[in-house]
């Protein structure tokens, strides 16, 4: 029986020595958080992995993401260039080099005789990475300079493509894409579920060593708040918040996203009103609720919060626009 895409990816990861995780230059929180989550999973599997996003600068409001400071802004040290010189049993007296403009000149001085040009060979090592996993990237061009500067690396290395955009160009050797998924994180979660069969003992041990009860971390799938029970220290929500009346004014590329990801109530504020009204039910005494909204909704969100008895802040998104309400009891 043929392996599913998730099984194929799991086998590829097992066989790989060093993995490159990449996401677009114009990244979303979904992309960055998914890459970081996957890097943690790979670390649990004792795999070496690096994360690269062209020109990446860590926004202050994403500093809470574990490992975010390790995301690199450029792709470096992909391979080494090798110069082989046959000395024919002669010994080397001196080796030196200098830069002349943009040219490197290397000088070899044998103890006796001369070096024949025919005995000089040029080669290069294999690429540093033997697997590329691209996240939330509809095409290779969206990666910016890592692809522009090293196209052969991307063409010659196995690529796993994880994405939820319907316009994805299916550029990977394995394409785990789903335009009906709300986010790439949803696709990644299903992949991690497949990998988890090998990770559960390690994760359980990690929780034990850190004095963390495994029951503290749970995932609840459902519409709105109806399936949530218990109280939490951190409650994060990215509800649908677009007013259906403004659909015609949305950016053209948004038409490729699932409607359920955008339109959740008649005016776009329905879920926020519910979170403001009922959020306390699900928070511990020290709990914090984080809820995303569109920057055009900031004034109305502030009015709703001002009329409540929450202690609140408004945080900016990665593009320095107001986009997150932070609520404390």
Protein backbone atom coordinates (compact mmCIF):
# COMPACT_ATOMS: atom_id res chain seq x y z
CA UNK A 1 0.00 0.00 0.00
CA UNK A 2 1.31 3.45 -0.96
CA UNK A 3 2.28 5.80 1.85
CA UNK A 4 0.17 8.89 2.48
CA UNK A 5 1.76 12.34 2.17
CA UNK A 6 2.13 12.61 5.95
CA UNK A 7 3.75 9.18 6.12
CA UNK A 8 6.14 10.09 3.30
CA UNK A 9 7.11 13.31 5.07
CA UNK A 10 7.66 11.44 8.33
CA UNK A 11 10.00 8.99 6.57
CA UNK A 12 11.89 11.83 4.88
CA UNK A 13 12.42 13.60 8.18
CA UNK A 14 13.70 10.40 9.80
CA UNK A 15 16.30 9.95 7.03
CA UNK A 16 17.42 13.59 6.90
CA UNK A 17 20.51 14.86 8.70
CA UNK A 18 19.92 18.61 8.61
CA UNK A 19 16.69 20.38 7.64
CA UNK A 20 15.98 23.91 6.43
CA UNK A 21 12.63 25.47 7.36
CA UNK A 22 11.67 28.49 5.23
CA UNK A 23 8.71 30.83 5.07
CA UNK A 24 7.93 33.96 2.97
CA UNK A 25 9.63 37.31 3.20
CA UNK A 26 6.19 38.89 3.73
CA UNK A 27 5.34 36.46 6.47
CA UNK A 28 2.22 35.95 8.53
CA UNK A 29 2.04 35.01 12.19
CA UNK A 30 0.74 31.65 10.97
CA UNK A 31 3.98 31.10 9.01
CA UNK A 32 6.35 32.10 11.81
CA UNK A 33 4.49 30.19 14.52
CA UNK A 34 4.19 27.07 12.34
CA UNK A 35 7.93 27.10 11.56
CA UNK A 36 8.79 27.46 15.25
CA UNK A 37 6.39 24.69 16.24
CA UNK A 38 7.86 22.35 13.65
CA UNK A 39 11.41 23.18 14.74
CA UNK A 40 10.50 22.13 18.29
CA UNK A 41 9.12 18.84 16.99
CA UNK A 42 12.31 18.25 14.98
CA UNK A 43 14.40 19.01 18.05
CA UNK A 44 12.45 16.36 19.95
CA UNK A 45 13.43 13.97 17.15
CA UNK A 46 17.11 14.93 17.59
CA UNK A 47 17.17 16.53 14.14
CA UNK A 48 19.27 19.58 13.27
CA UNK A 49 17.10 22.32 11.78
CA UNK A 50 17.46 26.01 10.93
CA UNK A 51 14.72 28.54 10.16
CA UNK A 52 15.21 31.25 7.52
CA UNK A 53 12.96 34.08 6.33
CA UNK A 54 14.33 36.77 4.03
CA UNK A 55 15.13 39.95 5.99
CA UNK A 56 13.40 38.64 9.11
CA UNK A 57 13.21 41.07 12.02
CA UNK A 58 11.49 39.84 15.18
CA UNK A 59 8.49 42.05 15.98
CA UNK A 60 8.29 42.93 19.67
CA UNK A 61 4.84 41.44 20.02
CA UNK A 62 6.12 38.04 18.78
CA UNK A 63 8.97 37.86 21.27
CA UNK A 64 6.88 35.50 23.43
CA UNK A 65 7.18 32.77 20.77
CA UNK A 66 9.72 30.21 21.95
CA UNK A 67 12.82 30.20 19.73
CA UNK A 68 11.74 33.20 17.63
CA UNK A 69 15.11 34.89 18.19
CA UNK A 70 16.79 32.01 16.31
CA UNK A 71 15.04 32.73 13.00
CA UNK A 72 17.72 33.85 10.53
CA UNK A 73 17.25 36.69 8.07
CA UNK A 74 19.46 35.16 5.37
CA UNK A 75 20.65 31.83 4.04
CA UNK A 76 24.40 31.30 4.50
CA UNK A 77 27.13 28.64 4.38
CA UNK A 78 25.24 26.28 2.07
CA UNK A 79 28.32 24.52 0.75
CA UNK A 80 32.11 24.65 0.70
CA UNK A 81 34.30 25.09 -2.40
CA UNK A 82 37.25 22.67 -2.55
CA UNK A 83 40.57 23.20 -4.34
CA UNK A 84 42.63 20.02 -4.61
CA UNK A 85 46.33 20.25 -5.52
CA UNK A 86 48.42 17.19 -6.35
CA UNK A 87 51.96 17.72 -5.01
CA UNK A 88 53.40 14.47 -6.41
CA UNK A 89 55.21 13.64 -3.15
CA UNK A 90 56.63 17.16 -2.98
CA UNK A 91 56.25 19.21 0.22
CA UNK A 92 54.59 22.58 0.56
CA UNK A 93 56.85 25.42 1.67
CA UNK A 94 54.25 28.16 2.01
CA UNK A 95 50.53 28.87 1.62
CA UNK A 96 49.15 32.42 1.55
CA UNK A 97 46.32 34.42 0.05
CA UNK A 98 45.12 37.96 -0.51
CA UNK A 99 42.12 39.81 -1.90
CA UNK A 100 42.45 41.90 -5.06
CA UNK A 101 39.17 43.71 -5.58
CA UNK A 102 36.51 41.00 -5.57
CA UNK A 103 39.02 38.23 -6.41
CA UNK A 104 40.66 35.86 -3.94
CA UNK A 105 44.17 34.79 -4.91
CA UNK A 106 45.76 31.77 -3.24
CA UNK A 107 49.52 31.29 -3.40
CA UNK A 108 51.20 27.88 -3.02
CA UNK A 109 54.97 27.58 -2.89
CA UNK A 110 56.45 24.04 -3.11
CA UNK A 111 59.79 23.28 -1.43
CA UNK A 112 61.21 22.05 -4.72
CA UNK A 113 60.13 22.05 -8.34
CA UNK A 114 56.79 23.41 -9.51
CA UNK A 115 53.10 22.59 -9.38
CA UNK A 116 51.58 21.46 -12.68
CA UNK A 117 48.24 23.15 -13.48
CA UNK A 118 46.97 19.73 -14.56
CA UNK A 119 47.18 18.63 -10.92
CA UNK A 120 44.80 21.32 -9.67
CA UNK A 121 41.19 20.22 -9.24
CA UNK A 122 38.01 22.08 -8.29
CA UNK A 123 35.07 20.58 -6.40
CA UNK A 124 32.45 21.43 -3.80
CA UNK A 125 30.84 19.70 -0.85
CA UNK A 126 27.21 18.60 -0.72
CA UNK A 127 24.68 21.18 0.41
CA UNK A 128 24.49 21.75 4.14
CA UNK A 129 20.79 20.77 4.15
CA UNK A 130 19.37 17.56 2.68
CA UNK A 131 15.70 18.52 3.13
CA UNK A 132 13.74 21.77 2.73
CA UNK A 133 10.35 22.29 4.38
CA UNK A 134 8.53 25.38 3.09
CA UNK A 135 5.66 26.68 5.21
CA UNK A 136 2.81 28.98 4.18
CA UNK A 137 4.62 29.68 0.87
CA UNK A 138 2.44 29.62 -2.27
CA UNK A 139 5.51 29.61 -4.54
CA UNK A 140 9.29 29.63 -4.34
CA UNK A 141 9.47 33.28 -5.42
CA UNK A 142 7.66 34.30 -2.23
CA UNK A 143 10.76 33.20 -0.28
CA UNK A 144 12.74 36.16 -1.63
CA UNK A 145 16.54 36.11 -1.58
CA UNK A 146 17.08 32.56 -0.28
CA UNK A 147 15.53 31.31 -3.53
CA UNK A 148 16.78 34.15 -5.74
CA UNK A 149 20.39 33.72 -4.59
CA UNK A 150 20.45 29.92 -4.48
CA UNK A 151 17.96 28.59 -7.06
CA UNK A 152 20.03 25.46 -7.79
CA UNK A 153 19.91 24.50 -4.12
CA UNK A 154 16.10 24.57 -4.19
CA UNK A 155 15.93 22.71 -7.51
CA UNK A 156 18.38 20.02 -6.41
CA UNK A 157 17.11 19.43 -2.86
CA UNK A 158 13.94 17.61 -1.81
CA UNK A 159 11.20 20.07 -0.85
CA UNK A 160 8.19 19.42 1.40
CA UNK A 161 5.52 22.04 0.73
CA UNK A 162 3.07 22.75 3.59
CA UNK A 163 0.47 25.38 2.75
CA UNK A 164 -3.21 26.31 2.84
CA UNK A 165 -3.32 28.82 -0.06
CA UNK A 166 -5.43 27.67 -3.00
CA UNK A 167 -3.01 29.33 -5.45
CA UNK A 168 -0.12 27.15 -4.26
CA UNK A 169 2.00 26.07 -7.24
CA UNK A 170 2.67 22.53 -5.92
CA UNK A 171 6.42 23.03 -6.33
CA UNK A 172 7.51 20.40 -3.79
CA UNK A 173 8.39 16.77 -4.28
CA UNK A 174 5.75 16.26 -1.59
CA UNK A 175 2.91 18.77 -1.41
CA UNK A 176 0.79 18.65 1.73
CA UNK A 177 -1.62 21.45 0.87
CA UNK A 178 -5.26 22.04 1.72
CA UNK A 179 -7.11 25.18 0.55
CA UNK A 180 -9.96 24.35 2.93
CA UNK A 181 -7.68 24.59 5.97
CA UNK A 182 -8.04 27.83 7.90
CA UNK A 183 -4.26 28.12 8.34
CA UNK A 184 -1.00 26.31 7.64
CA UNK A 185 -0.91 25.57 11.38
CA UNK A 186 -3.93 23.31 10.90
CA UNK A 187 -2.08 21.29 8.25
CA UNK A 188 1.00 21.14 10.45
CA UNK A 189 -1.03 19.91 13.40
CA UNK A 190 -2.27 16.95 11.36
CA UNK A 191 1.31 16.20 10.29
CA UNK A 192 2.56 16.36 13.88
CA UNK A 193 -0.19 13.93 14.84
CA UNK A 194 1.37 11.45 12.42
CA UNK A 195 4.88 12.11 13.74
CA UNK A 196 3.66 12.03 17.36
CA UNK A 197 3.60 8.24 17.38
CA UNK A 198 7.38 8.43 17.65
CA UNK A 199 7.46 11.52 19.88
CA UNK A 200 5.03 10.68 22.67
CA UNK A 201 7.62 9.01 24.96
CA UNK A 202 10.03 11.96 24.56
CA UNK A 203 7.33 14.57 25.08
CA UNK A 204 6.02 12.77 28.16
CA UNK A 205 9.56 12.64 29.60
CA UNK A 206 10.08 16.34 28.86
CA UNK A 207 6.86 17.23 30.66
CA UNK A 208 7.85 15.06 33.60
CA UNK A 209 11.33 16.61 33.90
CA UNK A 210 9.82 20.10 33.84
CA UNK A 211 7.21 19.23 36.48
CA UNK A 212 4.40 19.85 33.99
CA UNK A 213 1.23 17.78 34.11
CA UNK A 214 0.57 16.53 30.56
CA UNK A 215 -3.14 17.30 31.07
CA UNK A 216 -2.32 21.02 31.13
CA UNK A 217 -1.81 21.11 27.35
CA UNK A 218 -4.94 20.30 25.34
CA UNK A 219 -6.40 21.08 21.91
CA UNK A 220 -10.14 21.72 21.57
CA UNK A 221 -11.80 21.75 18.14
CA UNK A 222 -15.22 23.34 17.79
CA UNK A 223 -17.23 26.39 16.79
CA UNK A 224 -16.79 29.39 19.07
CA UNK A 225 -16.75 28.57 22.81
CA UNK A 226 -19.31 25.82 23.14
CA UNK A 227 -16.83 22.94 23.70
CA UNK A 228 -14.42 24.73 26.01
CA UNK A 229 -14.43 23.70 29.65
CA UNK A 230 -12.04 24.50 32.47
CA UNK A 231 -9.79 27.50 33.09
CA UNK A 232 -6.51 28.44 31.42
CA UNK A 233 -3.52 30.71 32.03
CA UNK A 234 -3.34 31.69 28.35
CA UNK A 235 -6.28 31.90 25.95
CA UNK A 236 -5.48 32.84 22.32
CA UNK A 237 -8.20 33.56 19.76
CA UNK A 238 -8.05 34.51 16.07
CA UNK A 239 -11.77 34.65 15.29
CA UNK A 240 -13.37 35.53 11.93
CA UNK A 241 -13.78 39.31 12.06
CA UNK A 242 -14.62 40.60 8.58
CA UNK A 243 -17.96 42.36 8.05
CA UNK A 244 -19.62 40.56 5.10
CA UNK A 245 -20.72 43.97 3.78
CA UNK A 246 -17.07 44.80 3.11
CA UNK A 247 -16.27 41.69 1.09
CA UNK A 248 -16.00 43.60 -2.19
CA UNK A 249 -13.28 45.82 -0.70
CA UNK A 250 -11.01 42.95 0.40
CA UNK A 251 -7.64 42.38 -1.26
CA UNK A 252 -8.01 40.17 -4.37
CA UNK A 253 -5.80 37.39 -2.98
CA UNK A 254 -8.19 36.95 -0.05
CA UNK A 255 -10.70 35.27 -2.34
CA UNK A 256 -8.55 32.15 -2.21
CA UNK A 257 -9.00 31.79 1.56
CA UNK A 258 -11.89 29.82 3.10
CA UNK A 259 -14.90 32.09 3.81
CA UNK A 260 -15.22 30.65 7.30
CA UNK A 261 -11.81 32.14 8.13
CA UNK A 262 -13.11 35.68 7.56
CA UNK A 263 -16.87 35.95 8.00
CA UNK A 264 -18.19 34.95 11.40
CA UNK A 265 -20.97 37.41 12.21
CA UNK A 266 -23.14 40.07 10.64
CA UNK A 267 -20.89 43.03 11.55
CA UNK A 268 -17.53 41.33 12.14
CA UNK A 269 -17.60 41.89 15.92
CA UNK A 270 -19.76 38.96 17.04
CA UNK A 271 -16.93 36.74 18.27
CA UNK A 272 -15.12 39.63 19.95
CA UNK A 273 -18.27 40.57 21.84
CA UNK A 274 -18.62 36.96 22.97
CA UNK A 275 -14.98 36.82 24.10
CA UNK A 276 -15.35 40.08 26.03
CA UNK A 277 -18.62 38.91 27.62
CA UNK A 278 -17.59 35.35 28.48
CA UNK A 279 -13.79 35.29 28.48
CA UNK A 280 -13.48 35.30 32.26
CA UNK A 281 -15.23 31.94 32.41
CA UNK A 282 -12.14 30.32 30.90
CA UNK A 283 -9.30 32.15 32.68
CA UNK A 284 -7.51 31.43 35.92
CA UNK A 285 -6.90 34.29 38.37
CA UNK A 286 -3.68 35.14 36.54
CA UNK A 287 -5.02 34.25 33.10
CA UNK A 288 -4.66 36.42 29.97
CA UNK A 289 -6.84 36.42 26.86
CA UNK A 290 -5.32 37.41 23.51
CA UNK A 291 -7.75 38.17 20.68
CA UNK A 292 -6.88 39.29 17.14
CA UNK A 293 -8.84 41.90 15.20
CA UNK A 294 -8.43 43.97 12.03
CA UNK A 295 -6.67 47.32 12.36
CA UNK A 296 -9.76 49.10 10.99
CA UNK A 297 -11.72 47.76 13.98
CA UNK A 298 -9.44 49.24 16.64
CA UNK A 299 -11.69 52.14 17.62
CA UNK A 300 -14.79 49.98 18.00
CA UNK A 301 -12.87 47.30 19.93
CA UNK A 302 -11.61 49.99 22.32
CA UNK A 303 -15.21 51.18 22.87
CA UNK A 304 -16.34 47.64 23.64
CA UNK A 305 -13.50 47.17 26.11
CA UNK A 306 -14.00 50.57 27.73
CA UNK A 307 -17.58 49.59 28.47
CA UNK A 308 -16.42 46.34 30.12
CA UNK A 309 -14.60 45.78 33.41
CA UNK A 310 -11.53 44.18 31.82
CA UNK A 311 -8.00 45.49 32.32
CA UNK A 312 -6.87 45.68 28.73
CA UNK A 313 -4.11 46.66 26.34
CA UNK A 314 -4.01 46.96 22.55
CA UNK A 315 -0.93 45.46 20.93
CA UNK A 316 0.32 46.11 17.40
CA UNK A 317 0.73 43.37 14.79
CA UNK A 318 4.07 42.60 13.00
CA UNK A 319 3.41 45.55 10.66
CA UNK A 320 2.97 47.98 13.58
CA UNK A 321 -0.82 48.25 13.18
CA UNK A 322 -3.21 47.74 16.11
CA UNK A 323 -4.39 44.15 15.93
CA UNK A 324 -4.49 42.31 19.28
CA UNK A 325 -6.58 42.90 22.37
CA UNK A 326 -4.93 41.68 25.57
CA UNK A 327 -7.42 41.15 28.41
CA UNK A 328 -6.71 40.55 32.07
CA UNK A 329 -9.33 40.09 34.77
